Amino acid sequence: MQPSGDRSNRVRALLSGTCAVALAAVALAGCSGSDGAGSGTAAADAANGGQTVAAAPPGKYRVLPEPCGSVSAGTIASLVPNAADPDGEASVTFDTDRKVGCKWTGRTALGNRYLQIDLERVVSYDSAVSDDDQAATDYRTRATDAGIPLAPADGGPGAPTPPGAPTSSTSPSSTGVSAPPSSSPSGIPQDVAPRFLDGLGDDAFLDDALRTRDSGVHRDVTVVFRIANVLVTVGLSQWSTDKSVEPPSPDLQAGARQVAAELADQLDE
């Protein structure tokens, strides 16, 4: 019979050897796993050309101007005479960092006059799409929804006139009588028809809609423009209670463009 001390020593030696073998197996498995992961990362890097895809930059504008103070008092007095509140009424929004607006109501000899402005700071929720690019997409959607003709680069107003197509210029006819200015399909002269605008922000268009209601005739002129990641909408409307008198398109368009220019200046400051 062996002493209990010898048996204890042999048991401890056996356990130590077993643990050493187990630790070696774990270490070998860990090394193999690291090699596999490294190979996968290298393969992914190779597939991406060894470059990390950077997130799109944030938009130029992080805040919006105070809307009711963005249009001069002189412009309000001119475009919205007898305004109920010359200081304007701010639109109710849930996030003034993202969207703000203001409106004015007045009265002219024809009927009520309304001015509404809205400014929206566009934010992209796609890390691969910049705020500016998302704003450009939103702008194009609005232009398409408004039915604005194609831009000059796409064959719209300003592009070479197809053979046989009418032009907006006044030219002598074969009888020696000056031909009248051509009109758009809606019957509106081309110089005031809905169209893209130059010299206003990065992109801009103007829409002009005449509607007849039981209470009279209503003309709505809308200018939408984009500066970087901000979309601005200006609406100038006129009611005429006399259905035989249409609110003047040129005057309303000029007024809406004036307000749009002032807002563009506010953003550029």
Foldseek 3Di string as FASTA:
>chain_A
DDDPVVVVVVVVVVVVVVVVVVVVVVVVVVVVVVVVVVVVVVVVCVVVVVDDDAFADEWPDQAADAALVLFDLVLCCVQAPQKPDSSFDKDDDPDRRAKIKTKIWHADPQGIKIKIKMKGQAQDPGRNAYLLRVQVVVVVVVCVVLVAFDDCVVPGPPDDDDPPDAAQDWDQDPVRDIDHGDPDPVRHRPVLAWYWDPPFAPTKTKHWDWDADPQEIKIKIWMWDDHTNMIMIMIMMDGGSDNVDHDDRVVRNVSSVVSSVSSSVVVVD
